[in-house]
């Protein structure tokens, strides 16, 4: 594959284009907002404007509700020999493509499982998809060569291909992406009327839970509306759990509360330690950070010197700004060694 057109230069489209350009692929950037395409081009993502002739692959980086119409437009003008998209809903767009009489032979649905709470080309990163699952949902009519182009795209962007049925994909992302975003948003919305004194007490836990609520409201309206049936099905089950919690709090019923909390423990334990992998047991080593330049770098250097394989780092700042906590997630077997060595080096550690 030598030439690609990216239609839509937001976060995902520009990140795809940056990854391809870094691999030497000639990339053309198309956007109804010419300023966005020019911004992406200035970042090194490719050339703003349509290609002079058909490209090997067109990547449709538009909201799910727009995929069918954009595909129809570009198939009619002969933009590419093969097409894929990066939308987070697959079934309804596929149904609409078929209803419009689109060429399903030259199209394969795609969804890279990566993103950020920020939007727009300036938030894009070439490494956004490294090691992340990238779902492909070929239709029975999809030509093998078209699927091959999509697989090559995933490889060039550093993703890990996962082939799924469109309906299975939509039910999966409703559970692990769409409903979590909606719940984070609902909780963040409660803060809009919160007392100022309560917000001043907010810690890292609240920030972690509500971080994704900063996502683009217009895009998420499109996503939720397009995947409405699957999202509503997950919410039905969640509504039952919320009713049970309310009853347990008002009766009260501590045993029922404990059972629900333990189900949460079990569910959290099933989340893979790395994207697309299997669940791995990690332990948290919490280290006090004094408020001085280079303190985090010194901590990571000390952890590296003792051979600790740090899987993740989380930071929590004290309310007065004088100190904070760095939470190092490490493999269960190395936590005790890391704790002992850091204490020996005079770090304050809470294992």
Protein backbone atom coordinates (compact mmCIF):
# COMPACT_ATOMS: atom_id res chain seq x y z
CA UNK A 1 0.00 0.00 0.00
CA UNK A 2 1.46 3.31 -1.10
CA UNK A 3 -1.32 5.90 -1.07
CA UNK A 4 -4.08 6.63 1.44
CA UNK A 5 -6.75 9.29 1.79
CA UNK A 6 -7.93 10.16 5.29
CA UNK A 7 -11.39 11.73 5.30
CA UNK A 8 -11.83 13.65 8.55
CA UNK A 9 -8.88 15.20 10.34
CA UNK A 10 -9.93 15.09 13.98
CA UNK A 11 -8.06 13.23 16.69
CA UNK A 12 -8.35 9.74 15.19
CA UNK A 13 -8.05 10.67 11.51
CA UNK A 14 -4.98 12.84 12.07
CA UNK A 15 -3.40 10.18 14.30
CA UNK A 16 -3.89 7.61 11.52
CA UNK A 17 -2.39 10.01 8.99
CA UNK A 18 0.60 10.79 11.22
CA UNK A 19 1.31 7.09 11.71
CA UNK A 20 1.09 6.42 7.97
CA UNK A 21 3.20 9.43 7.00
CA UNK A 22 5.87 8.26 9.44
CA UNK A 23 5.96 4.96 7.51
CA UNK A 24 6.45 6.74 4.17
CA UNK A 25 2.86 6.35 2.94
CA UNK A 26 1.66 9.20 0.70
CA UNK A 27 -1.31 10.52 2.65
CA UNK A 28 -3.99 12.95 1.45
CA UNK A 29 -6.12 14.81 3.99
CA UNK A 30 -9.75 15.62 3.23
CA UNK A 31 -12.04 17.54 5.57
CA UNK A 32 -15.09 19.75 5.14
CA UNK A 33 -13.26 22.09 7.50
CA UNK A 34 -10.31 23.13 5.39
CA UNK A 35 -8.56 24.69 8.39
CA UNK A 36 -8.54 21.32 10.19
CA UNK A 37 -6.98 19.60 7.15
CA UNK A 38 -4.35 22.33 6.87
CA UNK A 39 -3.57 22.03 10.58
CA UNK A 40 -3.09 18.28 10.23
CA UNK A 41 -0.84 18.85 7.21
CA UNK A 42 1.24 21.37 9.17
CA UNK A 43 1.75 18.68 11.82
CA UNK A 44 3.28 16.40 9.18
CA UNK A 45 0.22 14.18 8.63
CA UNK A 46 0.21 14.51 4.84
CA UNK A 47 -1.04 16.85 2.12
CA UNK A 48 -4.29 18.78 2.48
CA UNK A 49 -6.68 18.17 -0.40
CA UNK A 50 -8.00 15.35 -2.59
CA UNK A 51 -5.55 13.07 -4.44
CA UNK A 52 -5.13 13.36 -8.23
CA UNK A 53 -6.46 9.83 -8.75
CA UNK A 54 -7.76 6.80 -6.84
CA UNK A 55 -5.71 5.88 -3.79
CA UNK A 56 -5.11 2.38 -2.46
CA UNK A 57 -7.26 2.92 0.65
CA UNK A 58 -9.57 5.61 2.03
CA UNK A 59 -9.99 5.86 5.80
CA UNK A 60 -13.29 7.46 6.79
CA UNK A 61 -12.65 9.16 10.14
CA UNK A 62 -16.13 10.58 10.61
CA UNK A 63 -18.84 10.03 13.27
CA UNK A 64 -20.67 6.68 12.96
CA UNK A 65 -23.91 8.32 11.84
CA UNK A 66 -22.10 9.92 8.89
CA UNK A 67 -20.20 6.87 7.61
CA UNK A 68 -22.79 5.65 5.09
CA UNK A 69 -23.30 9.07 3.48
CA UNK A 70 -19.57 9.86 3.30
CA UNK A 71 -18.84 6.41 1.86
CA UNK A 72 -21.55 6.86 -0.78
CA UNK A 73 -20.11 10.24 -1.77
CA UNK A 74 -16.55 9.01 -2.17
CA UNK A 75 -17.41 5.72 -3.84
CA UNK A 76 -19.30 7.73 -6.46
CA UNK A 77 -16.34 10.03 -7.10
CA UNK A 78 -13.87 7.11 -7.18
CA UNK A 79 -11.67 8.28 -4.32
CA UNK A 80 -10.16 4.86 -3.56
CA UNK A 81 -9.93 1.19 -4.49
CA UNK A 82 -10.82 0.14 -0.93
CA UNK A 83 -12.52 1.81 2.03
CA UNK A 84 -12.60 1.43 5.80
CA UNK A 85 -13.78 3.56 8.68
CA UNK A 86 -12.74 4.13 12.30
CA UNK A 87 -16.17 4.67 13.88
CA UNK A 88 -17.06 3.12 17.23
CA UNK A 89 -20.38 1.67 16.00
CA UNK A 90 -20.51 -0.89 13.20
CA UNK A 91 -23.94 -2.52 12.73
CA UNK A 92 -26.28 0.42 11.98
CA UNK A 93 -23.84 2.11 9.55
CA UNK A 94 -23.45 -1.19 7.70
CA UNK A 95 -27.23 -1.51 7.43
CA UNK A 96 -27.47 2.04 6.09
CA UNK A 97 -24.72 1.42 3.52
CA UNK A 98 -26.67 -1.59 2.23
CA UNK A 99 -29.93 0.40 2.17
CA UNK A 100 -28.25 3.14 0.12
CA UNK A 101 -26.98 0.59 -2.37
CA UNK A 102 -23.32 1.09 -1.40
CA UNK A 103 -20.56 -1.19 -2.63
CA UNK A 104 -19.94 -3.49 0.33
CA UNK A 105 -17.34 -5.44 -1.63
CA UNK A 106 -14.89 -2.54 -1.37
CA UNK A 107 -15.63 -1.68 2.27
CA UNK A 108 -14.65 -3.17 5.62
CA UNK A 109 -15.69 -1.64 8.93
CA UNK A 110 -12.95 -0.78 11.39
CA UNK A 111 -12.60 0.56 14.92
CA UNK A 112 -9.25 1.26 16.60
CA UNK A 113 -9.75 0.92 20.35
CA UNK A 114 -7.81 4.04 21.23
CA UNK A 115 -8.58 7.66 21.92
CA UNK A 116 -8.19 10.59 24.25
CA UNK A 117 -10.56 12.90 26.07
CA UNK A 118 -9.19 15.73 23.91
CA UNK A 119 -10.35 16.23 20.33
CA UNK A 120 -9.12 17.82 17.10
CA UNK A 121 -5.94 17.46 15.05
CA UNK A 122 -3.75 19.16 17.65
CA UNK A 123 -4.50 16.30 20.08
CA UNK A 124 -3.35 13.65 17.56
CA UNK A 125 -0.36 11.37 18.12
CA UNK A 126 1.33 9.00 15.67
CA UNK A 127 1.75 6.37 18.42
CA UNK A 128 -1.90 6.48 19.56
CA UNK A 129 -2.64 2.97 18.23
CA UNK A 130 0.57 1.21 19.29
CA UNK A 131 -0.33 -2.16 20.82
CA UNK A 132 -4.07 -1.36 20.88
CA UNK A 133 -6.78 -3.69 19.55
CA UNK A 134 -8.16 -2.57 16.19
CA UNK A 135 -11.44 -4.29 15.37
CA UNK A 136 -12.31 -5.13 11.77
CA UNK A 137 -15.86 -6.19 10.87
CA UNK A 138 -15.87 -7.52 7.29
CA UNK A 139 -19.20 -8.15 5.62
CA UNK A 140 -19.68 -11.45 3.73
CA UNK A 141 -19.47 -9.35 0.55
CA UNK A 142 -16.11 -7.78 1.47
CA UNK A 143 -13.41 -8.77 -1.02
CA UNK A 144 -10.35 -10.47 0.49
CA UNK A 145 -8.04 -7.86 -1.04
CA UNK A 146 -10.00 -5.10 0.72
CA UNK A 147 -9.69 -6.87 4.07
CA UNK A 148 -5.99 -7.26 3.32
CA UNK A 149 -5.63 -3.48 2.83
CA UNK A 150 -7.35 -2.86 6.17
CA UNK A 151 -5.08 -5.36 7.89
CA UNK A 152 -2.07 -3.59 6.39
CA UNK A 153 -3.41 -0.29 7.72
CA UNK A 154 -3.63 -1.75 11.22
CA UNK A 155 -0.07 -3.06 10.95
CA UNK A 156 1.29 0.27 9.72
CA UNK A 157 -0.38 2.08 12.62
CA UNK A 158 1.01 -0.40 15.19
CA UNK A 159 -2.38 -1.85 16.17
CA UNK A 160 -3.40 -5.45 16.86
CA UNK A 161 -6.15 -6.66 14.49
CA UNK A 162 -9.26 -8.32 15.93
CA UNK A 163 -11.92 -9.61 13.51
CA UNK A 164 -15.49 -9.55 14.86
CA UNK A 165 -19.07 -9.67 13.69
CA UNK A 166 -20.55 -6.14 13.60
CA UNK A 167 -23.29 -6.95 16.13
CA UNK A 168 -20.84 -8.57 18.55
CA UNK A 169 -18.63 -5.49 18.28
CA UNK A 170 -21.48 -3.12 19.10
CA UNK A 171 -22.54 -5.08 22.18
CA UNK A 172 -18.92 -5.24 23.35
CA UNK A 173 -18.23 -1.50 23.02
CA UNK A 174 -21.55 -0.64 24.66
CA UNK A 175 -20.30 -2.48 27.76
CA UNK A 176 -16.64 -1.42 27.83
CA UNK A 177 -16.75 2.06 26.25
CA UNK A 178 -20.10 3.70 25.57
CA UNK A 179 -21.83 3.11 28.91
CA UNK A 180 -18.68 3.96 30.93
CA UNK A 181 -18.48 7.26 29.05
CA UNK A 182 -22.12 7.97 29.73
CA UNK A 183 -21.79 7.16 33.44
CA UNK A 184 -18.68 9.35 33.76
CA UNK A 185 -20.64 12.15 32.13
CA UNK A 186 -23.65 11.70 34.43
CA UNK A 187 -21.42 11.82 37.51
CA UNK A 188 -19.55 14.88 36.20
CA UNK A 189 -22.89 16.57 35.53
CA UNK A 190 -23.77 16.19 39.24
CA UNK A 191 -20.67 18.28 40.01
CA UNK A 192 -22.03 21.22 38.03
CA UNK A 193 -24.38 22.02 40.94
CA UNK A 194 -21.98 20.83 43.64
CA UNK A 195 -20.93 23.03 46.56
CA UNK A 196 -17.60 24.78 46.04
CA UNK A 197 -16.27 23.40 49.32
CA UNK A 198 -16.96 19.84 48.11
CA UNK A 199 -15.13 20.41 44.85
CA UNK A 200 -12.08 21.74 46.70
CA UNK A 201 -11.89 18.38 48.48
CA UNK A 202 -11.86 16.40 45.21
CA UNK A 203 -9.04 13.90 44.92
CA UNK A 204 -7.55 11.75 42.21
CA UNK A 205 -10.32 9.15 42.43
CA UNK A 206 -12.94 11.63 41.24
CA UNK A 207 -10.64 12.85 38.48
CA UNK A 208 -10.05 9.27 37.32
CA UNK A 209 -13.76 8.46 37.24
CA UNK A 210 -14.81 11.64 35.40
CA UNK A 211 -11.81 12.20 33.09
CA UNK A 212 -13.48 10.89 29.94
CA UNK A 213 -16.49 13.15 30.53
CA UNK A 214 -14.41 15.89 28.87
CA UNK A 215 -14.95 14.22 25.46
CA UNK A 216 -16.65 15.99 22.56
CA UNK A 217 -20.38 16.16 23.35
CA UNK A 218 -21.48 16.29 19.72
CA UNK A 219 -19.46 13.23 18.74
CA UNK A 220 -20.69 11.26 21.75
CA UNK A 221 -24.29 12.16 21.02
CA UNK A 222 -23.81 10.60 17.57
CA UNK A 223 -22.12 7.50 19.01
CA UNK A 224 -24.74 6.86 21.68
CA UNK A 225 -27.65 7.49 19.32
CA UNK A 226 -26.19 5.19 16.66
CA UNK A 227 -25.57 2.37 19.15
CA UNK A 228 -28.73 3.12 21.14
CA UNK A 229 -30.12 -0.43 21.38
CA UNK A 230 -26.92 -2.02 22.71
CA UNK A 231 -26.29 0.86 25.13
CA UNK A 232 -29.86 0.73 26.44
CA UNK A 233 -29.53 -3.03 27.08
CA UNK A 234 -26.48 -2.47 29.32
CA UNK A 235 -28.26 0.40 31.10
CA UNK A 236 -31.23 -1.88 31.83
CA UNK A 237 -28.99 -4.19 33.84
CA UNK A 238 -27.26 -1.27 35.51
CA UNK A 239 -30.61 0.26 36.51
CA UNK A 240 -31.43 -2.95 38.37
CA UNK A 241 -28.14 -2.74 40.26
CA UNK A 242 -28.77 0.91 41.17
CA UNK A 243 -32.21 0.06 42.49
CA UNK A 244 -30.66 -2.70 44.60
CA UNK A 245 -28.07 -0.26 46.00
CA UNK A 246 -30.75 2.28 46.92
CA UNK A 247 -32.79 -0.38 48.68
CA UNK A 248 -29.70 -1.67 50.51
CA UNK A 249 -28.86 1.82 51.73
CA UNK A 250 -32.37 2.71 52.89
CA UNK A 251 -33.39 -0.56 54.54
CA UNK A 252 -30.38 -0.89 55.42
CA UNK A 253 -28.95 -4.16 54.14
CA UNK A 254 -25.13 -4.27 54.57
CA UNK A 255 -24.82 -7.84 53.29
CA UNK A 256 -26.44 -6.93 49.98
CA UNK A 257 -24.17 -3.90 49.66
CA UNK A 258 -21.14 -6.08 50.34
CA UNK A 259 -22.23 -8.56 47.66
CA UNK A 260 -22.57 -5.78 45.08
CA UNK A 261 -19.18 -4.32 46.01
CA UNK A 262 -17.57 -7.76 45.74
CA UNK A 263 -19.08 -8.18 42.26
CA UNK A 264 -17.33 -4.92 41.40
CA UNK A 265 -14.05 -6.29 42.73
CA UNK A 266 -14.47 -9.40 40.59
CA UNK A 267 -15.34 -7.42 37.48
CA UNK A 268 -12.40 -5.06 37.90
CA UNK A 269 -10.06 -8.03 38.28
CA UNK A 270 -11.09 -9.23 34.80
CA UNK A 271 -9.86 -6.07 33.08
CA UNK A 272 -6.63 -6.89 31.20
CA UNK A 273 -3.47 -5.32 32.55
CA UNK A 274 -2.56 -4.36 28.99
CA UNK A 275 -4.90 -3.47 26.14
CA UNK A 276 -6.13 -6.60 24.42
CA UNK A 277 -4.27 -8.92 26.77
CA UNK A 278 -5.36 -11.13 29.63
CA UNK A 279 -5.90 -9.99 33.21
CA UNK A 280 -2.64 -9.84 35.19
CA UNK A 281 -2.30 -9.38 38.94
CA UNK A 282 -0.58 -6.08 39.77
CA UNK A 283 0.19 -4.51 43.12
CA UNK A 284 0.29 -0.87 43.98
CA UNK A 285 3.36 0.70 45.58
CA UNK A 286 2.54 4.24 46.75
CA UNK A 287 5.43 6.64 47.21
CA UNK A 288 5.37 10.16 48.70
CA UNK A 289 6.64 12.80 46.28
CA UNK A 290 7.92 16.08 47.64
CA UNK A 291 7.06 19.17 45.61
CA UNK A 292 10.39 19.81 43.96
CA UNK A 293 11.73 19.73 40.42
CA UNK A 294 12.69 16.32 39.06
CA UNK A 295 11.26 14.30 41.97
CA UNK A 296 9.23 11.95 39.75
CA UNK A 297 12.20 11.39 37.43
CA UNK A 298 14.35 10.46 40.43
CA UNK A 299 11.73 8.00 41.64
CA UNK A 300 11.43 6.28 38.27
CA UNK A 301 15.20 6.13 37.99
CA UNK A 302 15.42 4.49 41.42
CA UNK A 303 12.71 1.96 40.49
CA UNK A 304 14.53 1.17 37.24
CA UNK A 305 17.80 0.66 39.10
CA UNK A 306 16.25 -2.14 41.17
CA UNK A 307 14.83 -3.82 38.04
CA UNK A 308 11.13 -3.11 38.67
CA UNK A 309 8.87 -3.47 35.63
CA UNK A 310 6.42 -0.59 36.09
CA UNK A 311 3.18 -1.17 34.20
CA UNK A 312 1.51 2.13 35.04
CA UNK A 313 2.06 5.33 37.03
CA UNK A 314 -0.70 7.36 38.64
CA UNK A 315 -0.19 10.70 40.37
CA UNK A 316 -2.24 12.19 43.18
CA UNK A 317 -1.56 15.73 44.35
CA UNK A 318 -2.09 16.90 47.91
CA UNK A 319 -4.69 19.65 48.35
CA UNK A 320 -2.08 22.09 49.71
CA UNK A 321 0.39 21.38 46.87
CA UNK A 322 3.27 20.60 49.26
CA UNK A 323 3.52 16.93 48.32
CA UNK A 324 1.78 14.17 46.44
CA UNK A 325 1.67 10.45 45.89
CA UNK A 326 2.98 8.42 42.97
CA UNK A 327 1.26 5.07 42.63
CA UNK A 328 3.46 2.53 40.83
CA UNK A 329 1.68 -0.55 39.49
CA UNK A 330 4.07 -3.47 39.29
CA UNK A 331 3.85 -7.23 38.87
CA UNK A 332 2.74 -8.85 42.12
CA UNK A 333 6.02 -10.73 42.57
CA UNK A 334 8.22 -7.62 42.46
CA UNK A 335 6.23 -5.28 44.74
CA UNK A 336 7.90 -6.36 48.01
CA UNK A 337 11.39 -6.06 46.56
CA UNK A 338 10.64 -2.62 45.11
CA UNK A 339 9.15 -1.43 48.42
CA UNK A 340 12.17 -2.61 50.43
CA UNK A 341 14.68 -1.09 48.03
CA UNK A 342 12.92 2.28 47.85
CA UNK A 343 12.75 2.46 51.63
CA UNK A 344 16.43 1.60 51.80
CA UNK A 345 17.01 4.58 49.50
CA UNK A 346 15.03 6.75 51.97
CA UNK A 347 11.81 7.08 50.00
CA UNK A 348 8.58 7.13 52.04
CA UNK A 349 6.58 4.17 50.74
CA UNK A 350 3.04 2.99 51.52
CA UNK A 351 2.73 -0.52 50.08
